[in-house]
Protein backbone atom coordinates (compact mmCIF):
# COMPACT_ATOMS: atom_id res chain seq x y z
CA UNK A 1 0.00 0.00 0.00
CA UNK A 2 1.35 3.43 -0.93
CA UNK A 3 2.24 5.84 1.84
CA UNK A 4 -0.18 8.72 2.33
CA UNK A 5 1.58 12.06 2.40
CA UNK A 6 -0.07 15.00 4.13
CA UNK A 7 0.79 18.53 5.16
CA UNK A 8 -1.35 20.33 7.72
CA UNK A 9 -1.43 23.85 6.30
CA UNK A 10 -3.59 25.37 9.05
CA UNK A 11 -5.05 24.03 12.29
CA UNK A 12 -8.49 25.60 12.53
CA UNK A 13 -10.37 24.04 15.46
CA UNK A 14 -10.51 21.15 17.89
CA UNK A 15 -14.10 19.89 17.82
CA UNK A 16 -13.77 17.33 20.62
CA UNK A 17 -11.27 15.26 22.56
CA UNK A 18 -11.50 11.57 23.40
CA UNK A 19 -10.42 9.99 26.68
CA UNK A 20 -7.27 8.55 25.04
CA UNK A 21 -5.97 11.94 23.91
CA UNK A 22 -7.17 11.75 20.30
CA UNK A 23 -8.81 14.95 19.05
CA UNK A 24 -11.40 15.50 16.34
CA UNK A 25 -10.07 18.47 14.40
CA UNK A 26 -10.96 20.75 11.52
CA UNK A 27 -7.79 21.48 9.54
CA UNK A 28 -6.73 22.71 6.12
CA UNK A 29 -4.64 19.86 4.67
CA UNK A 30 -2.80 19.08 1.47
CA UNK A 31 -3.03 15.34 0.71
CA UNK A 32 -0.34 13.85 -1.56
CA UNK A 33 0.82 17.30 -2.75
CA UNK A 34 -2.67 18.20 -4.02
CA UNK A 35 -4.52 21.46 -3.45
CA UNK A 36 -5.47 21.91 0.21
CA UNK A 37 -8.93 20.86 1.40
CA UNK A 38 -10.77 21.28 4.68
CA UNK A 39 -10.63 18.08 6.66
CA UNK A 40 -12.47 16.73 9.72
CA UNK A 41 -11.00 13.63 11.38
CA UNK A 42 -9.57 12.22 14.61
CA UNK A 43 -5.84 12.68 15.21
CA UNK A 44 -3.41 11.29 17.77
CA UNK A 45 -1.63 13.86 19.93
CA UNK A 46 1.50 13.84 17.74
CA UNK A 47 -0.47 13.87 14.45
CA UNK A 48 1.31 10.69 13.31
CA UNK A 49 -1.86 8.57 13.41
CA UNK A 50 -5.28 9.47 12.10
CA UNK A 51 -8.77 8.06 11.98
CA UNK A 52 -11.19 8.07 9.10
CA UNK A 53 -12.44 11.46 8.15
CA UNK A 54 -13.99 13.55 5.44
CA UNK A 55 -12.70 16.36 3.27
CA UNK A 56 -14.48 19.42 1.92
CA UNK A 57 -13.81 22.18 -0.58
CA UNK A 58 -14.42 25.73 0.60
CA UNK A 59 -17.72 25.72 -1.32
CA UNK A 60 -18.86 22.51 0.37
CA UNK A 61 -17.88 23.87 3.77
CA UNK A 62 -19.93 27.03 3.10
CA UNK A 63 -22.99 24.93 2.20
CA UNK A 64 -22.50 22.92 5.40
CA UNK A 65 -22.21 26.13 7.44
CA UNK A 66 -25.39 27.56 5.90
CA UNK A 67 -27.24 24.29 6.54
CA UNK A 68 -26.16 24.24 10.19
CA UNK A 69 -27.25 27.84 10.63
CA UNK A 70 -30.67 26.97 9.22
CA UNK A 71 -30.96 24.12 11.74
CA UNK A 72 -30.28 26.44 14.66
CA UNK A 73 -32.85 28.94 13.38
CA UNK A 74 -35.51 26.21 13.45
CA UNK A 75 -34.96 25.42 17.12
PDB file of N, CA and C in Angstrom:
ATOM      1  N   UNK A   1       0.845  -1.180   0.000  1.00  0.00           N
ATOM      2  CA  UNK A   1       0.000   0.000   0.000  1.00  0.00           C
ATOM      3  C   UNK A   1       0.892   1.245   0.000  1.00  0.00           C
ATOM      4  N   UNK A   2       0.567   2.209  -0.824  1.00  0.00           N
ATOM      5  CA  UNK A   2       1.355   3.432  -0.927  1.00  0.00           C
ATOM      6  C   UNK A   2       1.194   4.285   0.332  1.00  0.00           C
ATOM      7  N   UNK A   3       2.267   4.957   0.679  1.00  0.00           N
ATOM      8  CA  UNK A   3       2.236   5.836   1.839  1.00  0.00           C
ATOM      9  C   UNK A   3       1.413   7.076   1.521  1.00  0.00           C
ATOM     10  N   UNK A   4       0.623   7.512   2.488  1.00  0.00           N
ATOM     11  CA  UNK A   4      -0.182   8.715   2.334  1.00  0.00           C
ATOM     12  C   UNK A   4       0.634   9.887   2.863  1.00  0.00           C
ATOM     13  N   UNK A   5       0.825  10.878   2.012  1.00  0.00           N
ATOM     14  CA  UNK A   5       1.576  12.063   2.399  1.00  0.00           C
ATOM     15  C   UNK A   5       0.586  13.177   2.701  1.00  0.00           C
ATOM     16  N   UNK A   6       0.815  13.885   3.796  1.00  0.00           N
ATOM     17  CA  UNK A   6      -0.069  15.001   4.128  1.00  0.00           C
ATOM     18  C   UNK A   6       0.726  16.140   4.752  1.00  0.00           C
ATOM     19  N   UNK A   7       0.201  17.339   4.576  1.00  0.00           N
ATOM     20  CA  UNK A   7       0.793  18.529   5.161  1.00  0.00           C
ATOM     21  C   UNK A   7      -0.339  19.358   5.752  1.00  0.00           C
ATOM     22  N   UNK A   8      -0.333  19.510   7.067  1.00  0.00           N
ATOM     23  CA  UNK A   8      -1.354  20.330   7.720  1.00  0.00           C
ATOM     24  C   UNK A   8      -0.960  21.788   7.505  1.00  0.00           C
ATOM     25  N   UNK A   9      -1.710  22.461   6.651  1.00  0.00           N
ATOM     26  CA  UNK A   9      -1.433  23.852   6.300  1.00  0.00           C
ATOM     27  C   UNK A   9      -1.865  24.787   7.431  1.00  0.00           C
ATOM     28  N   UNK A  10      -3.054  24.515   7.993  1.00  0.00           N
ATOM     29  CA  UNK A  10      -3.586  25.365   9.054  1.00  0.00           C
ATOM     30  C   UNK A  10      -4.463  24.551   9.987  1.00  0.00           C
ATOM     31  N   UNK A  11      -4.186  24.641  11.274  1.00  0.00           N
ATOM     32  CA  UNK A  11      -5.053  24.029  12.287  1.00  0.00           C
ATOM     33  C   UNK A  11      -6.141  25.043  12.605  1.00  0.00           C
ATOM     34  N   UNK A  12      -7.388  24.651  12.392  1.00  0.00           N
ATOM     35  CA  UNK A  12      -8.495  25.603  12.526  1.00  0.00           C
ATOM     36  C   UNK A  12      -9.224  25.453  13.854  1.00  0.00           C
ATOM     37  N   UNK A  13      -9.598  24.220  14.226  1.00  0.00           N
ATOM     38  CA  UNK A  13     -10.374  24.041  15.463  1.00  0.00           C
ATOM     39  C   UNK A  13     -10.274  22.606  15.955  1.00  0.00           C
ATOM     40  N   UNK A  14     -10.333  22.461  17.267  1.00  0.00           N
ATOM     41  CA  UNK A  14     -10.506  21.148  17.892  1.00  0.00           C
ATOM     42  C   UNK A  14     -11.988  21.042  18.218  1.00  0.00           C
ATOM     43  N   UNK A  15     -12.662  20.044  17.633  1.00  0.00           N
ATOM     44  CA  UNK A  15     -14.101  19.890  17.819  1.00  0.00           C
ATOM     45  C   UNK A  15     -14.430  19.093  19.081  1.00  0.00           C
ATOM     46  N   UNK A  16     -13.576  18.125  19.405  1.00  0.00           N
ATOM     47  CA  UNK A  16     -13.768  17.328  20.617  1.00  0.00           C
ATOM     48  C   UNK A  16     -12.480  16.584  20.923  1.00  0.00           C
ATOM     49  N   UNK A  17     -12.436  16.039  22.147  1.00  0.00           N
ATOM     50  CA  UNK A  17     -11.269  15.256  22.558  1.00  0.00           C
ATOM     51  C   UNK A  17     -11.732  13.983  23.238  1.00  0.00           C
ATOM     52  N   UNK A  18     -11.166  12.859  22.808  1.00  0.00           N
ATOM     53  CA  UNK A  18     -11.501  11.571  23.399  1.00  0.00           C
ATOM     54  C   UNK A  18     -10.709  11.320  24.672  1.00  0.00           C
ATOM     55  N   UNK A  19     -11.080  10.280  25.405  1.00  0.00           N
ATOM     56  CA  UNK A  19     -10.424   9.991  26.677  1.00  0.00           C
ATOM     57  C   UNK A  19      -9.017   9.405  26.510  1.00  0.00           C
ATOM     58  N   UNK A  20      -8.620   9.067  25.283  1.00  0.00           N
ATOM     59  CA  UNK A  20      -7.270   8.552  25.041  1.00  0.00           C
ATOM     60  C   UNK A  20      -6.363   9.603  24.408  1.00  0.00           C
ATOM     61  N   UNK A  21      -6.796  10.853  24.402  1.00  0.00           N
ATOM     62  CA  UNK A  21      -5.972  11.942  23.906  1.00  0.00           C
ATOM     63  C   UNK A  21      -6.155  12.272  22.436  1.00  0.00           C
ATOM     64  N   UNK A  22      -6.916  11.453  21.715  1.00  0.00           N
ATOM     65  CA  UNK A  22      -7.171  11.754  20.301  1.00  0.00           C
ATOM     66  C   UNK A  22      -8.151  12.918  20.221  1.00  0.00           C
ATOM     67  N   UNK A  23      -7.958  13.771  19.209  1.00  0.00           N
ATOM     68  CA  UNK A  23      -8.811  14.946  19.045  1.00  0.00           C
ATOM     69  C   UNK A  23      -9.438  14.950  17.661  1.00  0.00           C
ATOM     70  N   UNK A  24     -10.721  15.285  17.617  1.00  0.00           N
ATOM     71  CA  UNK A  24     -11.403  15.499  16.341  1.00  0.00           C
ATOM     72  C   UNK A  24     -11.146  16.952  15.957  1.00  0.00           C
ATOM     73  N   UNK A  25     -10.513  17.147  14.794  1.00  0.00           N
ATOM     74  CA  UNK A  25     -10.070  18.475  14.405  1.00  0.00           C
ATOM     75  C   UNK A  25     -10.584  18.866  13.018  1.00  0.00           C
ATOM     76  N   UNK A  26     -10.731  20.165  12.836  1.00  0.00           N
ATOM     77  CA  UNK A  26     -10.957  20.751  11.517  1.00  0.00           C
ATOM     78  C   UNK A  26      -9.654  21.419  11.121  1.00  0.00           C
ATOM     79  N   UNK A  27      -9.063  20.954  10.020  1.00  0.00           N
ATOM     80  CA  UNK A  27      -7.792  21.476   9.539  1.00  0.00           C
ATOM     81  C   UNK A  27      -7.859  21.714   8.041  1.00  0.00           C
ATOM     82  N   UNK A  28      -6.951  22.544   7.551  1.00  0.00           N
ATOM     83  CA  UNK A  28      -6.732  22.706   6.120  1.00  0.00           C
ATOM     84  C   UNK A  28      -5.510  21.861   5.786  1.00  0.00           C
ATOM     85  N   UNK A  29      -5.688  20.847   4.913  1.00  0.00           N
ATOM     86  CA  UNK A  29      -4.643  19.855   4.669  1.00  0.00           C
ATOM     87  C   UNK A  29      -4.427  19.654   3.176  1.00  0.00           C
ATOM     88  N   UNK A  30      -3.158  19.500   2.812  1.00  0.00           N
ATOM     89  CA  UNK A  30      -2.797  19.081   1.465  1.00  0.00           C
ATOM     90  C   UNK A  30      -2.487  17.587   1.521  1.00  0.00           C
ATOM     91  N   UNK A  31      -3.232  16.786   0.765  1.00  0.00           N
ATOM     92  CA  UNK A  31      -3.025  15.343   0.707  1.00  0.00           C
ATOM     93  C   UNK A  31      -2.251  15.005  -0.564  1.00  0.00           C
ATOM     94  N   UNK A  32      -1.148  14.299  -0.415  1.00  0.00           N
ATOM     95  CA  UNK A  32      -0.342  13.847  -1.564  1.00  0.00           C
ATOM     96  C   UNK A  32      -0.023  14.982  -2.533  1.00  0.00           C
ATOM     97  N   UNK A  33       0.391  16.118  -1.977  1.00  0.00           N
ATOM     98  CA  UNK A  33       0.816  17.300  -2.747  1.00  0.00           C
ATOM     99  C   UNK A  33      -0.293  17.905  -3.612  1.00  0.00           C
ATOM    100  N   UNK A  34      -1.550  17.612  -3.287  1.00  0.00           N
ATOM    101  CA  UNK A  34      -2.675  18.198  -4.021  1.00  0.00           C
ATOM    102  C   UNK A  34      -3.069  19.525  -3.375  1.00  0.00           C
ATOM    103  N   UNK A  35      -4.016  20.212  -4.028  1.00  0.00           N
ATOM    104  CA  UNK A  35      -4.523  21.457  -3.453  1.00  0.00           C
ATOM    105  C   UNK A  35      -5.112  21.180  -2.076  1.00  0.00           C
ATOM    106  N   UNK A  36      -4.935  22.113  -1.138  1.00  0.00           N
ATOM    107  CA  UNK A  36      -5.465  21.908   0.212  1.00  0.00           C
ATOM    108  C   UNK A  36      -6.983  21.816   0.237  1.00  0.00           C
ATOM    109  N   UNK A  37      -7.501  21.007   1.154  1.00  0.00           N
ATOM    110  CA  UNK A  37      -8.930  20.857   1.397  1.00  0.00           C
ATOM    111  C   UNK A  37      -9.173  20.949   2.898  1.00  0.00           C
ATOM    112  N   UNK A  38     -10.400  21.261   3.262  1.00  0.00           N
ATOM    113  CA  UNK A  38     -10.772  21.282   4.676  1.00  0.00           C
ATOM    114  C   UNK A  38     -11.083  19.850   5.078  1.00  0.00           C
ATOM    115  N   UNK A  39     -10.631  19.476   6.251  1.00  0.00           N
ATOM    116  CA  UNK A  39     -10.633  18.075   6.655  1.00  0.00           C
ATOM    117  C   UNK A  39     -11.097  17.954   8.103  1.00  0.00           C
ATOM    118  N   UNK A  40     -12.022  17.039   8.347  1.00  0.00           N
ATOM    119  CA  UNK A  40     -12.470  16.729   9.716  1.00  0.00           C
ATOM    120  C   UNK A  40     -12.153  15.267   9.973  1.00  0.00           C
ATOM    121  N   UNK A  41     -11.338  15.010  11.000  1.00  0.00           N
ATOM    122  CA  UNK A  41     -10.997  13.634  11.381  1.00  0.00           C
ATOM    123  C   UNK A  41     -10.351  13.622  12.755  1.00  0.00           C
ATOM    124  N   UNK A  42     -10.244  12.416  13.332  1.00  0.00           N
ATOM    125  CA  UNK A  42      -9.565  12.225  14.612  1.00  0.00           C
ATOM    126  C   UNK A  42      -8.065  12.098  14.377  1.00  0.00           C
ATOM    127  N   UNK A  43      -7.295  12.712  15.281  1.00  0.00           N
ATOM    128  CA  UNK A  43      -5.838  12.677  15.214  1.00  0.00           C
ATOM    129  C   UNK A  43      -5.268  12.291  16.572  1.00  0.00           C
ATOM    130  N   UNK A  44      -4.159  11.538  16.544  1.00  0.00           N
ATOM    131  CA  UNK A  44      -3.415  11.286  17.773  1.00  0.00           C
ATOM    132  C   UNK A  44      -2.736  12.594  18.185  1.00  0.00           C
ATOM    133  N   UNK A  45      -2.237  12.629  19.417  1.00  0.00           N
ATOM    134  CA  UNK A  45      -1.633  13.864  19.928  1.00  0.00           C
ATOM    135  C   UNK A  45      -0.481  14.362  19.071  1.00  0.00           C
ATOM    136  N   UNK A  46       0.324  13.450  18.529  1.00  0.00           N
ATOM    137  CA  UNK A  46       1.500  13.838  17.744  1.00  0.00           C
ATOM    138  C   UNK A  46       1.206  13.976  16.245  1.00  0.00           C
ATOM    139  N   UNK A  47      -0.030  13.785  15.857  1.00  0.00           N
ATOM    140  CA  UNK A  47      -0.466  13.866  14.452  1.00  0.00           C
ATOM    141  C   UNK A  47       0.248  12.862  13.547  1.00  0.00           C
ATOM    142  N   UNK A  48       0.686  11.747  14.125  1.00  0.00           N
ATOM    143  CA  UNK A  48       1.308  10.694  13.314  1.00  0.00           C
ATOM    144  C   UNK A  48       0.294   9.614  12.939  1.00  0.00           C
ATOM    145  N   UNK A  49      -0.792   9.523  13.697  1.00  0.00           N
ATOM    146  CA  UNK A  49      -1.859   8.567  13.408  1.00  0.00           C
ATOM    147  C   UNK A  49      -3.156   9.333  13.243  1.00  0.00           C
ATOM    148  N   UNK A  50      -4.012   8.804  12.357  1.00  0.00           N
ATOM    149  CA  UNK A  50      -5.282   9.473  12.100  1.00  0.00           C
ATOM    150  C   UNK A  50      -6.387   8.450  11.941  1.00  0.00           C
ATOM    151  N   UNK A  51      -7.595   8.884  12.219  1.00  0.00           N
ATOM    152  CA  UNK A  51      -8.766   8.064  11.982  1.00  0.00           C
ATOM    153  C   UNK A  51      -9.378   8.407  10.633  1.00  0.00           C
ATOM    154  N   UNK A  52     -10.462   7.744  10.331  1.00  0.00           N
ATOM    155  CA  UNK A  52     -11.187   8.065   9.098  1.00  0.00           C
ATOM    156  C   UNK A  52     -11.796   9.449   9.230  1.00  0.00           C
ATOM    157  N   UNK A  53     -11.890  10.123   8.108  1.00  0.00           N
ATOM    158  CA  UNK A  53     -12.436  11.462   8.147  1.00  0.00           C
ATOM    159  C   UNK A  53     -13.093  11.811   6.836  1.00  0.00           C
ATOM    160  N   UNK A  54     -13.404  13.082   6.683  1.00  0.00           N
ATOM    161  CA  UNK A  54     -13.994  13.549   5.435  1.00  0.00           C
ATOM    162  C   UNK A  54     -13.368  14.889   5.070  1.00  0.00           C
ATOM    163  N   UNK A  55     -13.311  15.136   3.766  1.00  0.00           N
ATOM    164  CA  UNK A  55     -12.703  16.360   3.271  1.00  0.00           C
ATOM    165  C   UNK A  55     -13.736  17.181   2.510  1.00  0.00           C
ATOM    166  N   UNK A  56     -13.524  18.494   2.516  1.00  0.00           N
ATOM    167  CA  UNK A  56     -14.476  19.424   1.922  1.00  0.00           C
ATOM    168  C   UNK A  56     -13.738  20.542   1.192  1.00  0.00           C
ATOM    169  N   UNK A  57     -14.281  20.957   0.061  1.00  0.00           N
ATOM    170  CA  UNK A  57     -13.809  22.176  -0.578  1.00  0.00           C
ATOM    171  C   UNK A  57     -14.373  23.352   0.211  1.00  0.00           C
ATOM    172  N   UNK A  58     -13.875  24.550  -0.080  1.00  0.00           N
ATOM    173  CA  UNK A  58     -14.416  25.725   0.597  1.00  0.00           C
ATOM    174  C   UNK A  58     -15.902  25.886   0.290  1.00  0.00           C
ATOM    175  N   UNK A  59     -16.300  25.632  -0.955  1.00  0.00           N
ATOM    176  CA  UNK A  59     -17.718  25.723  -1.322  1.00  0.00           C
ATOM    177  C   UNK A  59     -18.580  24.746  -0.538  1.00  0.00           C
ATOM    178  N   UNK A  60     -18.107  23.511  -0.401  1.00  0.00           N
ATOM    179  CA  UNK A  60     -18.859  22.508   0.366  1.00  0.00           C
ATOM    180  C   UNK A  60     -18.956  22.904   1.832  1.00  0.00           C
ATOM    181  N   UNK A  61     -17.876  23.454   2.368  1.00  0.00           N
ATOM    182  CA  UNK A  61     -17.879  23.875   3.766  1.00  0.00           C
ATOM    183  C   UNK A  61     -18.860  25.028   3.983  1.00  0.00           C
ATOM    184  N   UNK A  62     -18.976  25.918   3.000  1.00  0.00           N
ATOM    185  CA  UNK A  62     -19.926  27.029   3.103  1.00  0.00           C
ATOM    186  C   UNK A  62     -21.369  26.522   3.074  1.00  0.00           C
ATOM    187  N   UNK A  63     -21.653  25.528   2.240  1.00  0.00           N
ATOM    188  CA  UNK A  63     -22.993  24.933   2.205  1.00  0.00           C
ATOM    189  C   UNK A  63     -23.298  24.268   3.543  1.00  0.00           C
ATOM    190  N   UNK A  64     -22.327  23.563   4.097  1.00  0.00           N
ATOM    191  CA  UNK A  64     -22.502  22.918   5.402  1.00  0.00           C
ATOM    192  C   UNK A  64     -22.777  23.964   6.474  1.00  0.00           C
ATOM    193  N   UNK A  65     -22.007  25.049   6.476  1.00  0.00           N
ATOM    194  CA  UNK A  65     -22.212  26.131   7.444  1.00  0.00           C
ATOM    195  C   UNK A  65     -23.621  26.700   7.333  1.00  0.00           C
ATOM    196  N   UNK A  66     -24.041  27.005   6.105  1.00  0.00           N
ATOM    197  CA  UNK A  66     -25.390  27.562   5.899  1.00  0.00           C
ATOM    198  C   UNK A  66     -26.468  26.588   6.380  1.00  0.00           C
ATOM    199  N   UNK A  67     -26.275  25.307   6.118  1.00  0.00           N
ATOM    200  CA  UNK A  67     -27.245  24.292   6.538  1.00  0.00           C
ATOM    201  C   UNK A  67     -27.318  24.206   8.052  1.00  0.00           C
ATOM    202  N   UNK A  68     -26.181  24.286   8.715  1.00  0.00           N
ATOM    203  CA  UNK A  68     -26.161  24.244  10.189  1.00  0.00           C
ATOM    204  C   UNK A  68     -26.812  25.481  10.776  1.00  0.00           C
ATOM    205  N   UNK A  69     -26.597  26.626  10.161  1.00  0.00           N
ATOM    206  CA  UNK A  69     -27.247  27.839  10.631  1.00  0.00           C
ATOM    207  C   UNK A  69     -28.759  27.747  10.490  1.00  0.00           C
ATOM    208  N   UNK A  70     -29.236  27.164   9.397  1.00  0.00           N
ATOM    209  CA  UNK A  70     -30.674  26.973   9.219  1.00  0.00           C
ATOM    210  C   UNK A  70     -31.247  26.063  10.295  1.00  0.00           C
ATOM    211  N   UNK A  71     -30.502  25.028  10.668  1.00  0.00           N
ATOM    212  CA  UNK A  71     -30.960  24.122  11.735  1.00  0.00           C
ATOM    213  C   UNK A  71     -31.140  24.868  13.049  1.00  0.00           C
ATOM    214  N   UNK A  72     -30.185  25.722  13.384  1.00  0.00           N
ATOM    215  CA  UNK A  72     -30.278  26.438  14.656  1.00  0.00           C
ATOM    216  C   UNK A  72     -31.406  27.458  14.643  1.00  0.00           C
ATOM    217  N   UNK A  73     -31.744  27.985  13.470  1.00  0.00           N
ATOM    218  CA  UNK A  73     -32.852  28.940  13.377  1.00  0.00           C
ATOM    219  C   UNK A  73     -34.210  28.248  13.574  1.00  0.00           C
ATOM    220  N   UNK A  74     -34.264  26.960  13.293  1.00  0.00           N
ATOM    221  CA  UNK A  74     -35.512  26.211  13.446  1.00  0.00           C
ATOM    222  C   UNK A  74     -35.795  25.835  14.899  1.00  0.00           C
ATOM    223  N   UNK A  75     -34.786  25.855  15.723  1.00  0.00           N
ATOM    224  CA  UNK A  75     -34.962  25.422  17.122  1.00  0.00           C
ATOM    225  C   UNK A  75     -35.639  26.471  17.956  1.00  0.00           C
TER     226      UNK A  75
END
